[in-house]
Amino acid sequence: MTNEKIVGMGFHHVSVKVKNYEKSVAFYRALGMKTVTEWGQGDGRIMMLDIGDGNIFEICAGGTDATCGKGSIGHVAFAVRNVDTAYAKAIEAGAKSVMTPTTMKLDDARPSRMTIYVAFVAGPDGEEIEFYTRKF
């Protein structure tokens, strides 16, 4: 089925905020997930893992007892062809802006630098949604 409102939109990743980054990375790697890329330092560390079929699971450091509880979904991300269009459609549909479309140069990304173009909105219940594309 094709999305007629935001052409080319597909699932990209789910992000979780974790209290113990190293322990979480070790756990998900033990499940067979492989690192796609990682960046940041300290509580700003982020790692994207391929779960085995090309889908991405993202781990973000810096969680606390208050933010993690029984598990904390940080956001859900949709890969889109045009971040600006997806963002505008979401705002038009009633979403609240969290971050306008922004280019992010991830110079410390490993194994290689990357540039992404993203926007974040809050859905009707405050859930955070990312529209994502990688620039090559």
N, C-alpha and C. Protein backbone atom coordinates (compact mmCIF):
# COMPACT_ATOMS: atom_id res chain seq x y z
N MET A 1 0.85 -1.17 0.00
CA MET A 1 0.00 0.00 0.00
C MET A 1 0.90 1.24 0.00
N THR A 2 0.57 2.22 -0.76
CA THR A 2 1.35 3.43 -0.89
C THR A 2 0.73 4.56 -0.08
N ASN A 3 1.59 5.32 0.59
CA ASN A 3 1.15 6.51 1.31
C ASN A 3 0.99 7.62 0.28
N GLU A 4 -0.22 8.11 0.13
CA GLU A 4 -0.48 9.13 -0.88
C GLU A 4 -0.25 10.55 -0.36
N LYS A 5 -0.16 10.73 0.95
CA LYS A 5 0.06 12.06 1.52
C LYS A 5 1.55 12.41 1.59
N ILE A 6 2.38 11.43 2.04
CA ILE A 6 3.82 11.64 2.12
C ILE A 6 4.47 10.52 1.32
N VAL A 7 4.68 10.78 0.05
CA VAL A 7 5.18 9.77 -0.87
C VAL A 7 6.58 9.32 -0.44
N GLY A 8 6.77 8.00 -0.42
CA GLY A 8 8.08 7.44 -0.09
C GLY A 8 8.33 7.24 1.39
N MET A 9 7.36 7.52 2.25
CA MET A 9 7.59 7.37 3.68
C MET A 9 7.61 5.90 4.06
N GLY A 10 8.56 5.54 4.92
CA GLY A 10 8.67 4.18 5.44
C GLY A 10 9.24 4.21 6.84
N PHE A 11 9.16 3.10 7.51
CA PHE A 11 9.70 3.00 8.87
C PHE A 11 11.21 3.11 8.83
N HIS A 12 11.80 3.84 9.78
CA HIS A 12 13.25 3.89 9.87
C HIS A 12 13.77 3.31 11.17
N HIS A 13 13.35 3.82 12.34
CA HIS A 13 13.85 3.27 13.59
C HIS A 13 12.98 3.65 14.77
N VAL A 14 13.17 2.90 15.85
CA VAL A 14 12.62 3.23 17.16
C VAL A 14 13.82 3.56 18.03
N SER A 15 13.69 4.58 18.86
CA SER A 15 14.78 5.01 19.72
C SER A 15 14.41 4.82 21.19
N VAL A 16 15.34 4.26 21.96
CA VAL A 16 15.12 4.13 23.40
C VAL A 16 16.22 4.87 24.15
N LYS A 17 15.83 5.48 25.26
CA LYS A 17 16.78 6.16 26.14
C LYS A 17 17.12 5.18 27.25
N VAL A 18 18.42 4.96 27.49
CA VAL A 18 18.85 3.96 28.46
C VAL A 18 19.70 4.58 29.56
N LYS A 19 19.65 3.96 30.75
CA LYS A 19 20.45 4.42 31.89
C LYS A 19 21.89 3.94 31.79
N ASN A 20 22.09 2.70 31.36
CA ASN A 20 23.43 2.12 31.29
C ASN A 20 23.72 1.79 29.82
N TYR A 21 24.35 2.72 29.17
CA TYR A 21 24.60 2.62 27.73
C TYR A 21 25.43 1.38 27.38
N GLU A 22 26.54 1.18 28.07
CA GLU A 22 27.42 0.05 27.76
C GLU A 22 26.70 -1.28 27.95
N LYS A 23 25.96 -1.41 29.03
CA LYS A 23 25.22 -2.65 29.31
C LYS A 23 24.16 -2.90 28.23
N SER A 24 23.47 -1.84 27.81
CA SER A 24 22.45 -1.98 26.77
C SER A 24 23.07 -2.36 25.43
N VAL A 25 24.18 -1.71 25.08
CA VAL A 25 24.85 -2.04 23.82
C VAL A 25 25.27 -3.51 23.84
N ALA A 26 25.87 -3.96 24.93
CA ALA A 26 26.30 -5.36 25.05
C ALA A 26 25.12 -6.31 24.92
N PHE A 27 23.99 -5.97 25.54
CA PHE A 27 22.80 -6.81 25.50
C PHE A 27 22.29 -6.96 24.07
N TYR A 28 22.12 -5.84 23.37
CA TYR A 28 21.56 -5.90 22.02
C TYR A 28 22.54 -6.53 21.03
N ARG A 29 23.84 -6.33 21.25
CA ARG A 29 24.83 -7.03 20.40
C ARG A 29 24.77 -8.54 20.66
N ALA A 30 24.53 -8.93 21.92
CA ALA A 30 24.40 -10.36 22.25
C ALA A 30 23.19 -10.98 21.55
N LEU A 31 22.22 -10.15 21.20
CA LEU A 31 21.05 -10.63 20.45
C LEU A 31 21.34 -10.69 18.95
N GLY A 32 22.56 -10.35 18.57
CA GLY A 32 22.96 -10.45 17.17
C GLY A 32 22.89 -9.15 16.39
N MET A 33 22.51 -8.05 17.03
CA MET A 33 22.43 -6.78 16.32
C MET A 33 23.83 -6.25 16.06
N LYS A 34 23.99 -5.58 14.91
CA LYS A 34 25.29 -5.06 14.50
C LYS A 34 25.24 -3.53 14.42
N THR A 35 26.32 -2.90 14.85
CA THR A 35 26.41 -1.44 14.80
C THR A 35 26.43 -0.95 13.36
N VAL A 36 25.54 0.00 13.08
CA VAL A 36 25.51 0.67 11.78
C VAL A 36 26.35 1.94 11.88
N THR A 37 26.07 2.73 12.91
CA THR A 37 26.82 3.97 13.16
C THR A 37 26.62 4.36 14.62
N GLU A 38 27.52 5.18 15.11
CA GLU A 38 27.39 5.72 16.47
C GLU A 38 28.08 7.07 16.51
N TRP A 39 27.63 7.94 17.43
CA TRP A 39 28.21 9.26 17.57
C TRP A 39 27.95 9.79 18.96
N GLY A 40 28.60 10.90 19.27
CA GLY A 40 28.40 11.57 20.55
C GLY A 40 29.32 11.06 21.64
N GLN A 41 29.23 11.76 22.80
CA GLN A 41 30.06 11.42 23.95
C GLN A 41 29.21 11.49 25.20
N GLY A 42 29.62 10.77 26.23
CA GLY A 42 28.93 10.82 27.52
C GLY A 42 27.45 10.53 27.38
N ASP A 43 26.62 11.36 28.02
CA ASP A 43 25.17 11.18 27.96
C ASP A 43 24.58 11.55 26.61
N GLY A 44 25.42 12.02 25.69
CA GLY A 44 24.97 12.34 24.33
C GLY A 44 25.27 11.25 23.32
N ARG A 45 25.73 10.08 23.80
CA ARG A 45 26.06 8.99 22.87
C ARG A 45 24.80 8.38 22.28
N ILE A 46 24.89 8.06 21.00
CA ILE A 46 23.79 7.41 20.28
C ILE A 46 24.39 6.34 19.39
N MET A 47 23.73 5.18 19.33
CA MET A 47 24.16 4.10 18.45
C MET A 47 22.95 3.57 17.70
N MET A 48 23.12 3.39 16.39
CA MET A 48 22.10 2.75 15.56
C MET A 48 22.56 1.33 15.28
N LEU A 49 21.68 0.37 15.53
CA LEU A 49 21.99 -1.05 15.33
C LEU A 49 21.05 -1.64 14.29
N ASP A 50 21.60 -2.45 13.40
CA ASP A 50 20.77 -3.20 12.44
C ASP A 50 20.29 -4.44 13.17
N ILE A 51 18.96 -4.63 13.22
CA ILE A 51 18.44 -5.77 13.98
C ILE A 51 18.58 -7.07 13.21
N GLY A 52 19.02 -7.02 11.95
CA GLY A 52 19.28 -8.22 11.19
C GLY A 52 18.60 -8.26 9.84
N ASP A 53 17.67 -7.34 9.63
CA ASP A 53 16.95 -7.34 8.35
C ASP A 53 16.95 -5.96 7.72
N GLY A 54 17.87 -5.13 8.16
CA GLY A 54 17.95 -3.78 7.63
C GLY A 54 17.18 -2.75 8.43
N ASN A 55 16.32 -3.19 9.35
CA ASN A 55 15.61 -2.24 10.22
C ASN A 55 16.54 -1.81 11.34
N ILE A 56 16.31 -0.60 11.84
CA ILE A 56 17.22 0.03 12.78
C ILE A 56 16.58 0.17 14.16
N PHE A 57 17.39 -0.09 15.18
CA PHE A 57 17.05 0.13 16.59
C PHE A 57 18.09 1.10 17.12
N GLU A 58 17.65 2.20 17.76
CA GLU A 58 18.57 3.23 18.22
C GLU A 58 18.62 3.27 19.74
N ILE A 59 19.83 3.34 20.29
CA ILE A 59 20.03 3.44 21.74
C ILE A 59 20.63 4.80 22.03
N CYS A 60 20.03 5.53 22.99
CA CYS A 60 20.52 6.85 23.38
C CYS A 60 20.91 6.81 24.85
N ALA A 61 22.10 7.27 25.17
CA ALA A 61 22.57 7.35 26.55
C ALA A 61 21.84 8.48 27.27
N GLY A 62 22.01 8.54 28.56
CA GLY A 62 21.52 9.67 29.34
C GLY A 62 20.18 9.47 30.01
N GLY A 63 19.66 8.25 29.99
CA GLY A 63 18.40 7.99 30.68
C GLY A 63 18.58 8.01 32.19
N THR A 64 17.51 8.26 32.89
CA THR A 64 17.52 8.25 34.35
C THR A 64 16.37 7.38 34.84
N ASP A 65 16.33 7.12 36.14
CA ASP A 65 15.21 6.35 36.69
C ASP A 65 13.88 7.03 36.32
N ALA A 66 13.86 8.35 36.35
CA ALA A 66 12.62 9.08 36.07
C ALA A 66 12.23 8.98 34.59
N THR A 67 13.21 8.98 33.69
CA THR A 67 12.87 8.96 32.27
C THR A 67 12.72 7.56 31.71
N CYS A 68 13.30 6.57 32.37
CA CYS A 68 13.27 5.21 31.81
C CYS A 68 12.17 4.34 32.39
N GLY A 69 11.92 4.40 33.68
CA GLY A 69 10.87 3.59 34.27
C GLY A 69 10.94 2.15 33.81
N LYS A 70 9.87 1.67 33.19
CA LYS A 70 9.82 0.30 32.68
C LYS A 70 10.28 0.23 31.23
N GLY A 71 10.93 1.25 30.77
CA GLY A 71 11.38 1.32 29.38
C GLY A 71 10.93 2.64 28.80
N SER A 72 11.78 3.26 28.06
CA SER A 72 11.45 4.59 27.55
C SER A 72 11.66 4.66 26.05
N ILE A 73 10.56 4.74 25.33
CA ILE A 73 10.65 4.95 23.89
C ILE A 73 10.88 6.45 23.70
N GLY A 74 12.01 6.79 23.12
CA GLY A 74 12.33 8.19 22.89
C GLY A 74 11.52 8.78 21.75
N HIS A 75 11.52 8.06 20.63
CA HIS A 75 10.76 8.51 19.46
C HIS A 75 10.66 7.38 18.46
N VAL A 76 9.77 7.55 17.51
CA VAL A 76 9.70 6.66 16.36
C VAL A 76 10.09 7.49 15.15
N ALA A 77 10.89 6.90 14.26
CA ALA A 77 11.39 7.66 13.12
C ALA A 77 10.90 7.04 11.81
N PHE A 78 10.51 7.92 10.92
CA PHE A 78 10.08 7.50 9.59
C PHE A 78 11.06 8.04 8.56
N ALA A 79 11.56 7.15 7.72
CA ALA A 79 12.41 7.57 6.60
C ALA A 79 11.49 8.19 5.56
N VAL A 80 11.87 9.35 5.08
CA VAL A 80 11.06 10.05 4.07
C VAL A 80 11.97 10.56 2.96
N ARG A 81 11.38 10.75 1.80
CA ARG A 81 12.13 11.34 0.69
C ARG A 81 12.33 12.84 0.90
N ASN A 82 11.30 13.49 1.48
CA ASN A 82 11.32 14.94 1.63
C ASN A 82 10.90 15.32 3.05
N VAL A 83 11.88 15.63 3.89
CA VAL A 83 11.63 15.97 5.29
C VAL A 83 10.74 17.21 5.39
N ASP A 84 10.99 18.21 4.56
CA ASP A 84 10.20 19.45 4.62
C ASP A 84 8.72 19.17 4.38
N THR A 85 8.42 18.35 3.39
CA THR A 85 7.03 18.03 3.07
C THR A 85 6.38 17.24 4.21
N ALA A 86 7.09 16.24 4.72
CA ALA A 86 6.55 15.42 5.81
C ALA A 86 6.27 16.28 7.03
N TYR A 87 7.21 17.15 7.38
CA TYR A 87 7.05 18.05 8.53
C TYR A 87 5.83 18.95 8.33
N ALA A 88 5.71 19.56 7.15
CA ALA A 88 4.58 20.45 6.87
C ALA A 88 3.25 19.71 6.95
N LYS A 89 3.21 18.51 6.40
CA LYS A 89 1.96 17.71 6.46
C LYS A 89 1.60 17.39 7.90
N ALA A 90 2.59 17.06 8.71
CA ALA A 90 2.32 16.73 10.12
C ALA A 90 1.80 17.96 10.88
N ILE A 91 2.40 19.11 10.66
CA ILE A 91 1.95 20.35 11.31
C ILE A 91 0.53 20.67 10.84
N GLU A 92 0.28 20.52 9.56
CA GLU A 92 -1.04 20.76 8.99
C GLU A 92 -2.09 19.83 9.61
N ALA A 93 -1.66 18.62 9.95
CA ALA A 93 -2.58 17.64 10.55
C ALA A 93 -2.76 17.82 12.05
N GLY A 94 -2.05 18.80 12.63
CA GLY A 94 -2.25 19.09 14.05
C GLY A 94 -1.08 18.79 14.96
N ALA A 95 0.03 18.29 14.42
CA ALA A 95 1.21 18.03 15.24
C ALA A 95 1.81 19.35 15.71
N LYS A 96 2.54 19.28 16.81
CA LYS A 96 3.25 20.45 17.34
C LYS A 96 4.72 20.31 16.99
N SER A 97 5.33 21.39 16.59
CA SER A 97 6.74 21.37 16.23
C SER A 97 7.61 21.13 17.46
N VAL A 98 8.57 20.22 17.33
CA VAL A 98 9.58 20.00 18.36
C VAL A 98 10.92 20.51 17.83
N MET A 99 11.21 20.23 16.56
CA MET A 99 12.42 20.73 15.90
C MET A 99 12.13 20.87 14.42
N THR A 100 12.29 22.08 13.90
CA THR A 100 12.05 22.31 12.48
C THR A 100 13.10 21.55 11.66
N PRO A 101 12.86 21.34 10.37
CA PRO A 101 13.82 20.61 9.55
C PRO A 101 15.23 21.19 9.68
N THR A 102 16.17 20.30 10.00
CA THR A 102 17.52 20.70 10.34
C THR A 102 18.54 19.73 9.75
N THR A 103 19.61 20.27 9.19
CA THR A 103 20.73 19.45 8.75
C THR A 103 21.66 19.23 9.93
N MET A 104 22.01 17.98 10.18
CA MET A 104 22.92 17.64 11.27
C MET A 104 24.14 16.93 10.68
N LYS A 105 25.31 17.55 10.85
CA LYS A 105 26.55 16.93 10.41
C LYS A 105 27.10 16.14 11.59
N LEU A 106 27.16 14.84 11.43
CA LEU A 106 27.64 13.96 12.49
C LEU A 106 29.09 13.62 12.20
N ASP A 107 29.97 14.60 12.46
CA ASP A 107 31.39 14.45 12.15
C ASP A 107 32.07 13.39 13.00
N ASP A 108 31.48 13.09 14.18
CA ASP A 108 32.10 12.07 15.03
C ASP A 108 31.44 10.70 14.86
N ALA A 109 30.57 10.57 13.85
CA ALA A 109 29.92 9.28 13.58
C ALA A 109 30.98 8.26 13.16
N ARG A 110 30.79 7.04 13.63
CA ARG A 110 31.70 5.95 13.28
C ARG A 110 30.89 4.82 12.69
N PRO A 111 31.28 4.14 11.66
CA PRO A 111 32.64 4.12 11.11
C PRO A 111 32.95 5.26 10.15
N SER A 112 31.96 6.02 9.73
CA SER A 112 32.26 7.15 8.86
C SER A 112 31.32 8.31 9.15
N ARG A 113 31.79 9.50 8.86
CA ARG A 113 30.96 10.70 9.05
C ARG A 113 29.69 10.57 8.24
N MET A 114 28.65 11.24 8.71
CA MET A 114 27.42 11.26 7.94
C MET A 114 26.67 12.55 8.21
N THR A 115 25.83 12.91 7.28
CA THR A 115 24.98 14.08 7.42
C THR A 115 23.54 13.62 7.25
N ILE A 116 22.70 14.04 8.19
CA ILE A 116 21.28 13.69 8.12
C ILE A 116 20.46 14.97 8.09
N TYR A 117 19.25 14.85 7.60
CA TYR A 117 18.31 15.96 7.56
C TYR A 117 17.07 15.46 8.28
N VAL A 118 16.71 16.09 9.39
CA VAL A 118 15.65 15.59 10.26
C VAL A 118 14.73 16.71 10.73
N ALA A 119 13.55 16.31 11.15
CA ALA A 119 12.61 17.20 11.81
C ALA A 119 11.85 16.35 12.84
N PHE A 120 11.44 16.97 13.93
CA PHE A 120 10.68 16.29 14.97
C PHE A 120 9.38 17.02 15.24
N VAL A 121 8.33 16.25 15.45
CA VAL A 121 7.03 16.80 15.84
C VAL A 121 6.49 15.97 16.99
N ALA A 122 5.54 16.55 17.72
CA ALA A 122 4.82 15.82 18.76
C ALA A 122 3.42 15.52 18.22
N GLY A 123 3.05 14.24 18.30
CA GLY A 123 1.72 13.82 17.86
C GLY A 123 0.66 14.21 18.86
N PRO A 124 -0.57 13.77 18.65
CA PRO A 124 -1.70 14.20 19.47
C PRO A 124 -1.59 13.87 20.95
N ASP A 125 -0.87 12.81 21.30
CA ASP A 125 -0.69 12.46 22.72
C ASP A 125 0.70 12.80 23.22
N GLY A 126 1.41 13.63 22.47
CA GLY A 126 2.75 14.05 22.86
C GLY A 126 3.85 13.12 22.39
N GLU A 127 3.49 12.04 21.69
CA GLU A 127 4.51 11.12 21.19
C GLU A 127 5.41 11.83 20.19
N GLU A 128 6.71 11.55 20.29
CA GLU A 128 7.66 12.24 19.43
C GLU A 128 7.89 11.44 18.15
N ILE A 129 7.81 12.14 17.02
CA ILE A 129 7.96 11.53 15.70
C ILE A 129 9.08 12.26 14.98
N GLU A 130 10.00 11.48 14.41
CA GLU A 130 11.10 12.04 13.62
C GLU A 130 10.88 11.71 12.15
N PHE A 131 11.10 12.70 11.30
CA PHE A 131 11.15 12.49 9.86
C PHE A 131 12.63 12.59 9.49
N TYR A 132 13.14 11.58 8.80
CA TYR A 132 14.57 11.37 8.65
C TYR A 132 14.95 11.09 7.22
N THR A 133 16.04 11.68 6.78
CA THR A 133 16.69 11.28 5.53
C THR A 133 18.18 11.47 5.71
N ARG A 134 18.93 10.60 5.09
CA ARG A 134 20.38 10.71 5.15
C ARG A 134 20.84 11.39 3.88
N LYS A 135 21.73 12.36 4.04
CA LYS A 135 22.29 13.07 2.88
C LYS A 135 23.59 12.39 2.51
N PHE A 136 23.78 12.19 1.24
CA PHE A 136 25.03 11.55 0.78
C PHE A 136 25.86 12.52 0.01
